[in-house]
Amino acid sequence: MFTPELIKKLDQIQTPFYYYDLDLLDDTLAAVNQHGLSKGYHIHFAIKANFNYKILNRILEAGLGIDCVSGREIERAIDAGFNPNQIAFAGVGKTDEELEIGLQHKIYSFNCESIEELIVLNDLASSNGQVADVAIRLNPNIQANTHKYITTGLNENKFGITIDKLPALFELLPELSSIKLKGIHFHIGSQIEDLNPFEQLCDKVNELQTVFEEKGHPLEHINIGGGFGIDYSDPDTHSIPDFKSFFELFDKKLNVRKGQKVHFELGRSIVGQCGSLISKVLFIKEGYTTNFAIIDAGMTELIRPALYQASHRVDVLTSKKSPKIYDVVGPICESSDTFQRGISLPAIERGDLVAIRSAGAYGEVMSSGFNLRDRVKAYYSDEL
């Protein structure tokens, strides 16, 4: 990915910054098309992973829709050129104003996450003389085997309607004249590398779809959600996730009704590997048991390691010297501002260029101005 010619160009740019390999993004989207879209699956990109306009333009051209979790994300998607009928709107705490944004634009689906939300949406739609198309987000109580902060499908998680609430839901639905139930929606977590939780999800979807049909609610679509992970430890060998195996699982395990649509909401697996956070070394500081490589990028540019101990590979781009052991840390006034601890890297000096890999998802979108730091720029492979 980082050729000598590219490294020379990157070394001339003021750091830190995000670098996006658009060729890799295109290749990833081609794999999604080959194994997913070509089979008739509808794929919504989870815009929370990356709302960069240039990235969104590529995703739009590839024929994907958008999964949003806020009103501003809906507006961003429409500004980027997506048709409202390509937009699904999830989120456990939608405000009235955000629901109004969705109604105003006549989006494809409100993925409702509580009975109370259904009531509020029905009232708002009724006041506008509209009928809102809805999918019910259900909580299937499936362990995704991922970090607890990005597990979303267990009973103790805040997301979705738990199965024990279905009798109350079925009793309420006939009273909601401004709601049209079109589907059911699931999302069990993020960065799921083992396909077994998705197989369990298929079993649960098949079971619940039958329950809805028996209650007189045939479903136009099933939304499986997203959560498919990427390889953070070896992004070069596994630059594109195994979409073939992922989609084949649903081909085999999901009982799809005739004419029914199946939707997915992929985010990280599409954009994660195409982005890197590029930084320079400010200082090398000797500690008692390690050396600190202090770089000019911090948790303000990539919060995942500080937020839930995520591990991103760190590559030194401008050194080939004998390795030493380093803690790679940022400049932010927090001890949690650490990217890696005790890793072997080529001996580093002040001014060396480093790349923190797999930062295309939840890097730029989660950046902050903590310590009054400026938001950093993005650069693209087709511009260098």
Protein backbone atom coordinates (compact mmCIF):
# COMPACT_ATOMS: atom_id res chain seq x y z
CA MET A 1 0.00 0.00 0.00
CA PHE A 2 2.74 2.48 0.95
CA THR A 3 5.21 2.54 -1.94
CA PRO A 4 8.46 4.55 -1.69
CA GLU A 5 6.98 7.09 -4.11
CA LEU A 6 3.84 7.49 -2.02
CA ILE A 7 5.79 7.75 1.25
CA LYS A 8 7.88 10.55 -0.25
CA LYS A 9 4.69 12.47 -1.12
CA LEU A 10 3.08 11.84 2.27
CA ASP A 11 6.24 13.03 3.99
CA GLN A 12 5.73 16.49 2.46
CA ILE A 13 2.26 16.99 3.98
CA GLN A 14 1.69 18.58 7.37
CA THR A 15 0.75 15.91 9.86
CA PRO A 16 -1.42 14.51 11.25
CA PHE A 17 -3.89 13.73 8.48
CA TYR A 18 -6.12 10.95 7.17
CA TYR A 19 -5.07 9.18 3.99
CA TYR A 20 -7.61 7.26 1.93
CA ASP A 21 -6.68 4.65 -0.67
CA LEU A 22 -9.59 5.02 -3.08
CA ASP A 23 -8.42 2.15 -5.28
CA LEU A 24 -8.76 -0.19 -2.30
CA LEU A 25 -12.19 1.27 -1.55
CA ASP A 26 -13.25 0.62 -5.14
CA ASP A 27 -11.95 -2.95 -4.98
CA THR A 28 -13.84 -3.52 -1.72
CA LEU A 29 -17.05 -2.16 -3.22
CA ALA A 30 -16.53 -4.42 -6.25
CA ALA A 31 -16.35 -7.41 -3.88
CA VAL A 32 -19.55 -6.27 -2.15
CA ASN A 33 -21.19 -6.02 -5.56
CA GLN A 34 -19.97 -9.43 -6.67
CA HIS A 35 -21.03 -11.34 -3.58
CA GLY A 36 -23.92 -9.23 -2.29
CA LEU A 37 -25.61 -6.79 -4.65
CA SER A 38 -25.46 -9.20 -7.58
CA LYS A 39 -27.58 -11.67 -5.58
CA GLY A 40 -30.31 -9.10 -5.09
CA TYR A 41 -29.36 -8.11 -1.56
CA HIS A 42 -29.91 -4.46 -0.63
CA ILE A 43 -26.89 -3.01 1.14
CA HIS A 44 -27.01 0.21 3.12
CA PHE A 45 -23.68 1.76 4.07
CA ALA A 46 -23.58 2.66 7.76
CA ILE A 47 -22.70 6.34 7.42
CA LYS A 48 -21.69 6.50 11.08
CA ALA A 49 -18.50 4.68 10.02
CA ASN A 50 -17.41 7.45 7.65
CA PHE A 51 -19.31 10.50 6.40
CA ASN A 52 -16.51 11.91 4.23
CA TYR A 53 -18.13 13.22 1.03
CA LYS A 54 -15.52 11.76 -1.31
CA ILE A 55 -15.96 8.34 0.30
CA LEU A 56 -19.75 8.66 0.09
CA ASN A 57 -19.56 9.58 -3.59
CA ARG A 58 -17.75 6.30 -4.34
CA ILE A 59 -20.32 4.35 -2.30
CA LEU A 60 -23.21 6.06 -4.11
CA GLU A 61 -21.68 5.21 -7.49
CA ALA A 62 -21.38 1.58 -6.39
CA GLY A 63 -25.15 1.36 -5.90
CA LEU A 64 -25.40 1.17 -2.12
CA GLY A 65 -27.96 2.87 0.10
CA ILE A 66 -27.41 4.48 3.50
CA ASP A 67 -28.06 3.47 7.10
CA CYS A 68 -28.41 6.51 9.37
CA VAL A 69 -28.62 6.91 13.13
CA SER A 70 -29.27 10.67 13.35
CA GLY A 71 -31.14 13.41 11.56
CA ARG A 72 -27.92 15.08 10.50
CA GLU A 73 -26.75 11.82 8.94
CA ILE A 74 -29.96 11.75 6.87
CA GLU A 75 -29.25 15.28 5.67
CA ARG A 76 -25.62 14.40 4.95
CA ALA A 77 -26.65 11.40 2.87
CA ILE A 78 -29.11 13.45 0.84
CA ASP A 79 -26.52 16.20 0.35
CA ALA A 80 -24.16 13.51 -0.97
CA GLY A 81 -26.74 12.52 -3.58
CA PHE A 82 -28.49 9.52 -2.06
CA ASN A 83 -32.20 9.18 -2.76
CA PRO A 84 -34.39 9.17 0.38
CA ASN A 85 -35.81 5.81 -0.71
CA GLN A 86 -32.29 4.42 -0.17
CA ILE A 87 -32.18 5.54 3.48
CA ALA A 88 -32.98 3.52 6.60
CA PHE A 89 -33.04 5.35 9.95
CA ALA A 90 -32.15 3.46 13.13
CA GLY A 91 -31.19 4.74 16.58
CA VAL A 92 -32.49 4.13 20.06
CA GLY A 93 -33.03 7.81 20.90
CA LYS A 94 -34.45 9.63 17.90
CA THR A 95 -35.69 13.11 18.80
CA ASP A 96 -38.98 14.46 17.49
CA GLU A 97 -37.00 16.80 15.25
CA GLU A 98 -35.04 13.88 13.79
CA LEU A 99 -38.21 11.89 13.16
CA GLU A 100 -39.63 14.96 11.41
CA ILE A 101 -36.54 15.09 9.17
CA GLY A 102 -37.16 11.50 8.14
CA LEU A 103 -40.85 12.19 7.50
CA GLN A 104 -40.07 15.34 5.55
CA HIS A 105 -37.76 13.45 3.21
CA LYS A 106 -40.03 10.35 3.00
CA ILE A 107 -37.19 7.97 3.76
CA TYR A 108 -37.38 4.26 3.02
CA SER A 109 -37.70 3.01 6.59
CA PHE A 110 -37.76 4.09 10.21
CA ASN A 111 -36.16 1.23 12.15
CA CYS A 112 -38.05 1.70 15.42
CA GLU A 113 -36.42 0.50 18.63
CA SER A 114 -39.15 0.81 21.26
CA ILE A 115 -42.92 0.70 21.57
CA GLU A 116 -42.93 4.30 22.77
CA GLU A 117 -41.04 5.38 19.66
CA LEU A 118 -43.71 3.78 17.49
CA ILE A 119 -46.40 5.76 19.31
CA VAL A 120 -44.51 9.05 18.93
CA LEU A 121 -43.76 8.41 15.25
CA ASN A 122 -47.41 7.53 14.61
CA ASP A 123 -48.54 10.83 16.19
CA LEU A 124 -46.02 12.88 14.22
CA ALA A 125 -46.88 11.16 10.95
CA SER A 126 -50.60 11.61 11.61
CA SER A 127 -50.12 15.35 12.24
CA ASN A 128 -48.40 15.61 8.86
CA GLY A 129 -51.02 13.55 7.06
CA GLN A 130 -48.43 10.87 6.34
CA VAL A 131 -47.97 7.15 6.85
CA ALA A 132 -44.47 6.19 8.04
CA ASP A 133 -42.87 3.02 6.68
CA VAL A 134 -41.41 1.12 9.61
CA ALA A 135 -39.22 -1.86 10.44
CA ILE A 136 -39.26 -3.08 14.02
CA ARG A 137 -35.77 -3.49 15.47
CA LEU A 138 -35.79 -6.63 17.57
CA ASN A 139 -33.24 -7.60 20.17
CA PRO A 140 -32.50 -11.31 19.59
CA ASN A 141 -30.32 -11.79 22.71
CA ILE A 142 -27.36 -13.16 20.71
CA GLN A 143 -23.80 -12.91 22.00
CA ALA A 144 -21.67 -11.37 19.24
CA ASN A 145 -18.33 -12.22 20.91
CA THR A 146 -17.00 -8.71 20.49
CA HIS A 147 -16.09 -5.86 22.86
CA LYS A 148 -18.83 -5.08 25.37
CA TYR A 149 -19.06 -1.47 24.15
CA ILE A 150 -19.99 -2.59 20.62
CA THR A 151 -22.28 -5.48 21.52
CA THR A 152 -25.85 -4.45 20.69
CA GLY A 153 -27.99 -7.60 20.56
CA LEU A 154 -28.18 -8.78 24.19
CA ASN A 155 -31.12 -8.31 26.53
CA GLU A 156 -29.14 -5.92 28.70
CA ASN A 157 -28.27 -3.70 25.71
CA LYS A 158 -30.35 -0.59 25.14
CA PHE A 159 -31.08 -1.39 21.50
CA GLY A 160 -34.23 -2.86 19.99
CA ILE A 161 -37.42 -4.37 21.34
CA THR A 162 -36.88 -7.51 23.39
CA ILE A 163 -38.82 -10.62 22.45
CA ASP A 164 -40.94 -10.56 25.62
CA LYS A 165 -42.48 -7.27 24.43
CA LEU A 166 -43.93 -8.80 21.24
CA PRO A 167 -47.41 -9.46 22.68
CA ALA A 168 -47.71 -5.78 23.61
CA LEU A 169 -46.42 -4.80 20.17
CA PHE A 170 -48.95 -6.96 18.33
CA GLU A 171 -51.74 -5.57 20.48
CA LEU A 172 -50.70 -1.99 19.72
CA LEU A 173 -50.05 -2.18 15.96
CA PRO A 174 -53.73 -2.11 14.83
CA GLU A 175 -54.16 1.19 16.70
CA LEU A 176 -51.32 2.90 14.80
CA SER A 177 -53.10 4.09 11.66
CA SER A 178 -50.15 6.20 10.50
CA ILE A 179 -47.61 3.37 10.72
CA LYS A 180 -47.05 0.79 7.99
CA LEU A 181 -45.09 -2.22 9.18
CA LYS A 182 -42.81 -3.32 6.35
CA GLY A 183 -40.05 -5.30 7.99
CA ILE A 184 -38.03 -6.41 10.98
CA HIS A 185 -34.53 -5.23 11.74
CA PHE A 186 -31.60 -6.65 13.68
CA HIS A 187 -28.06 -5.59 14.60
CA ILE A 188 -26.13 -7.71 17.08
CA GLY A 189 -22.84 -5.83 17.32
CA SER A 190 -19.74 -4.62 15.51
CA GLN A 191 -16.34 -6.06 14.58
CA ILE A 192 -17.69 -9.61 14.49
CA GLU A 193 -15.06 -11.88 12.95
CA ASP A 194 -16.62 -15.28 13.71
CA LEU A 195 -19.57 -16.12 11.46
CA ASN A 196 -21.25 -18.26 14.13
CA PRO A 197 -23.20 -15.34 15.69
CA PHE A 198 -24.60 -14.54 12.24
CA GLU A 199 -25.68 -18.17 11.85
CA GLN A 200 -27.48 -17.93 15.21
CA LEU A 201 -29.07 -14.70 13.99
CA CYS A 202 -30.44 -16.48 10.90
CA ASP A 203 -32.10 -19.07 13.12
CA LYS A 204 -33.67 -16.32 15.23
CA VAL A 205 -34.82 -14.34 12.19
CA ASN A 206 -36.45 -17.43 10.70
CA GLU A 207 -38.26 -18.09 13.98
CA LEU A 208 -39.44 -14.52 14.45
CA GLN A 209 -40.57 -14.06 10.88
CA THR A 210 -42.95 -16.97 11.37
CA VAL A 211 -44.28 -15.35 14.55
CA PHE A 212 -45.03 -12.10 12.68
CA GLU A 213 -46.76 -13.98 9.85
CA GLU A 214 -48.90 -15.94 12.29
CA LYS A 215 -50.00 -12.64 13.82
CA GLY A 216 -51.07 -11.34 10.40
CA HIS A 217 -47.98 -9.29 9.56
CA PRO A 218 -46.22 -10.60 6.43
CA LEU A 219 -42.95 -8.76 5.94
CA GLU A 220 -41.71 -7.00 2.82
CA HIS A 221 -38.12 -7.00 3.99
CA ILE A 222 -35.72 -8.40 6.55
CA ASN A 223 -32.87 -6.14 7.67
CA ILE A 224 -29.98 -8.20 9.03
CA GLY A 225 -27.91 -5.18 10.09
CA GLY A 226 -24.14 -5.18 9.85
CA GLY A 227 -21.23 -5.83 12.16
CA PHE A 228 -18.92 -7.84 9.88
CA GLY A 229 -15.35 -7.25 11.08
CA ILE A 230 -11.97 -6.54 9.51
CA ASP A 231 -8.42 -7.72 10.23
CA TYR A 232 -6.76 -4.99 12.28
CA SER A 233 -3.59 -7.00 12.87
CA ASP A 234 -2.73 -7.72 9.22
CA PRO A 235 -4.48 -5.17 6.98
CA ASP A 236 -2.24 -5.84 3.98
CA THR A 237 -2.87 -9.58 3.76
CA HIS A 238 -6.59 -9.17 4.48
CA SER A 239 -7.33 -5.80 2.93
CA ILE A 240 -10.78 -6.94 1.76
CA PRO A 241 -13.01 -8.97 4.11
CA ASP A 242 -14.30 -12.37 3.03
CA PHE A 243 -17.63 -11.15 1.71
CA LYS A 244 -18.09 -14.40 -0.21
CA SER A 245 -18.33 -16.48 2.99
CA PHE A 246 -20.38 -13.79 4.73
CA PHE A 247 -23.13 -13.58 2.13
CA GLU A 248 -23.10 -17.32 1.41
CA LEU A 249 -24.03 -17.93 5.04
CA PHE A 250 -27.25 -15.97 4.59
CA ASP A 251 -27.89 -17.65 1.23
CA LYS A 252 -27.90 -21.00 3.01
CA LYS A 253 -29.41 -20.21 6.40
CA LEU A 254 -32.00 -17.48 5.90
CA ASN A 255 -35.53 -18.55 4.93
CA VAL A 256 -36.45 -15.77 2.51
CA ARG A 257 -40.06 -15.56 1.33
CA LYS A 258 -40.90 -15.14 -2.34
CA GLY A 259 -40.51 -11.49 -3.35
CA GLN A 260 -39.07 -10.54 0.04
CA LYS A 261 -36.07 -8.22 0.17
CA VAL A 262 -33.05 -8.77 2.41
CA HIS A 263 -31.13 -5.73 3.62
CA PHE A 264 -27.70 -5.38 5.19
CA GLU A 265 -26.03 -2.39 6.91
CA LEU A 266 -22.29 -2.72 6.39
CA GLY A 267 -19.91 0.02 7.52
CA ARG A 268 -16.50 -0.88 8.88
CA SER A 269 -16.05 -3.82 6.49
CA ILE A 270 -16.40 -1.47 3.51
CA VAL A 271 -14.24 1.49 4.54
CA GLY A 272 -12.09 0.35 7.48
CA GLN A 273 -9.02 -0.78 5.58
CA CYS A 274 -8.90 2.02 3.00
CA GLY A 275 -8.00 4.70 5.57
CA SER A 276 -4.85 5.37 7.58
CA LEU A 277 -3.97 8.06 10.09
CA ILE A 278 -0.59 9.51 9.12
CA SER A 279 1.55 11.08 11.84
CA LYS A 280 5.11 12.15 12.60
CA VAL A 281 7.26 11.38 15.60
CA LEU A 282 7.74 14.37 17.89
CA PHE A 283 10.02 12.86 20.54
CA ILE A 284 11.56 9.60 21.67
CA LYS A 285 11.52 9.28 25.43
CA GLU A 286 13.28 6.49 27.33
CA GLY A 287 11.24 4.88 30.09
CA TYR A 288 12.11 2.23 32.65
CA THR A 289 10.83 -0.73 30.66
CA THR A 290 10.01 0.75 27.26
CA ASN A 291 10.67 3.63 24.91
CA PHE A 292 7.91 6.13 24.28
CA ALA A 293 7.42 7.16 20.67
CA ILE A 294 5.42 10.37 21.04
CA ILE A 295 3.62 11.22 17.80
CA ASP A 296 1.59 14.24 16.75
CA ALA A 297 -1.67 12.30 16.23
CA GLY A 298 -3.73 11.48 19.27
CA MET A 299 -7.02 10.18 20.54
CA THR A 300 -8.56 13.32 19.05
CA GLU A 301 -7.92 11.80 15.60
CA LEU A 302 -8.50 8.13 16.45
CA ILE A 303 -10.32 7.47 19.71
CA ARG A 304 -10.88 3.72 19.35
CA PRO A 305 -7.78 2.60 21.30
CA ALA A 306 -8.59 4.95 24.18
CA LEU A 307 -12.33 4.23 24.12
CA TYR A 308 -12.31 0.43 24.08
CA GLN A 309 -8.71 -0.73 23.89
CA ALA A 310 -8.85 -1.33 20.14
CA SER A 311 -5.59 -2.41 18.55
CA HIS A 312 -4.48 -0.72 15.33
CA ARG A 313 -1.31 -1.76 13.57
CA VAL A 314 1.38 0.93 13.52
CA ASP A 315 3.80 1.02 10.56
CA VAL A 316 6.95 3.13 10.51
CA LEU A 317 7.20 4.39 6.94
CA THR A 318 10.59 6.10 7.00
CA SER A 319 12.86 3.76 8.99
CA LYS A 320 14.36 0.34 8.27
CA LYS A 321 16.71 0.23 11.25
CA SER A 322 17.05 -2.60 13.77
CA PRO A 323 13.90 -2.91 15.88
CA LYS A 324 13.31 -1.63 19.39
CA ILE A 325 10.39 -1.87 21.76
CA TYR A 326 8.03 1.13 21.94
CA ASP A 327 4.84 2.42 23.43
CA VAL A 328 3.33 4.56 20.66
CA VAL A 329 1.53 7.44 22.34
CA GLY A 330 -0.11 10.71 21.38
CA PRO A 331 0.22 14.27 22.71
CA ILE A 332 -3.16 14.52 24.46
CA CYS A 333 -3.18 15.21 28.19
CA GLU A 334 -4.64 11.79 29.05
CA SER A 335 -2.81 8.55 29.88
CA SER A 336 -5.36 6.72 27.73
CA ASP A 337 -3.94 8.51 24.67
CA THR A 338 -1.95 5.42 23.69
CA PHE A 339 -2.09 3.58 20.37
CA GLN A 340 0.11 0.57 21.13
CA ARG A 341 2.13 -0.71 24.09
CA GLY A 342 5.32 -2.74 24.00
CA ILE A 343 5.49 -3.34 20.26
CA SER A 344 8.58 -3.98 18.16
CA LEU A 345 9.21 -1.31 15.52
CA PRO A 346 12.20 -0.24 13.44
CA ALA A 347 14.24 2.20 15.51
CA ILE A 348 12.46 5.54 15.37
CA GLU A 349 13.82 9.08 15.35
CA ARG A 350 12.20 12.49 15.59
CA GLY A 351 10.53 13.31 12.28
CA ASP A 352 9.90 9.72 11.19
CA LEU A 353 6.57 9.15 9.46
CA VAL A 354 4.19 6.55 10.85
CA ALA A 355 0.88 5.16 9.64
CA ILE A 356 -1.82 3.97 12.02
CA ARG A 357 -3.68 1.50 9.89
CA SER A 358 -7.32 0.50 9.46
CA ALA A 359 -8.56 3.96 10.39
CA GLY A 360 -11.09 4.36 7.58
CA ALA A 361 -13.97 3.52 9.92
CA TYR A 362 -14.62 5.43 13.14
CA GLY A 363 -11.51 7.56 12.72
CA GLU A 364 -12.44 10.84 11.06
CA VAL A 365 -16.09 10.63 12.17
CA MET A 366 -15.20 10.35 15.86
CA SER A 367 -12.52 13.05 15.86
CA SER A 368 -12.82 15.84 18.40
CA GLY A 369 -11.45 19.22 19.36
CA PHE A 370 -10.32 18.11 22.84
CA ASN A 371 -7.35 20.19 24.08
CA LEU A 372 -8.56 22.76 21.49
CA ARG A 373 -6.85 20.81 18.73
CA ASP A 374 -7.73 21.62 15.13
CA ARG A 375 -9.61 19.03 13.07
CA VAL A 376 -7.17 17.50 10.62
CA LYS A 377 -7.48 17.20 6.85
CA ALA A 378 -7.99 14.21 4.61
CA TYR A 379 -5.95 13.38 1.50
CA TYR A 380 -6.73 10.84 -1.20
CA SER A 381 -4.79 8.47 -3.42
CA ASP A 382 -6.15 10.03 -6.60
CA GLU A 383 -4.77 13.44 -5.59
CA LEU A 384 -1.17 12.42 -4.82
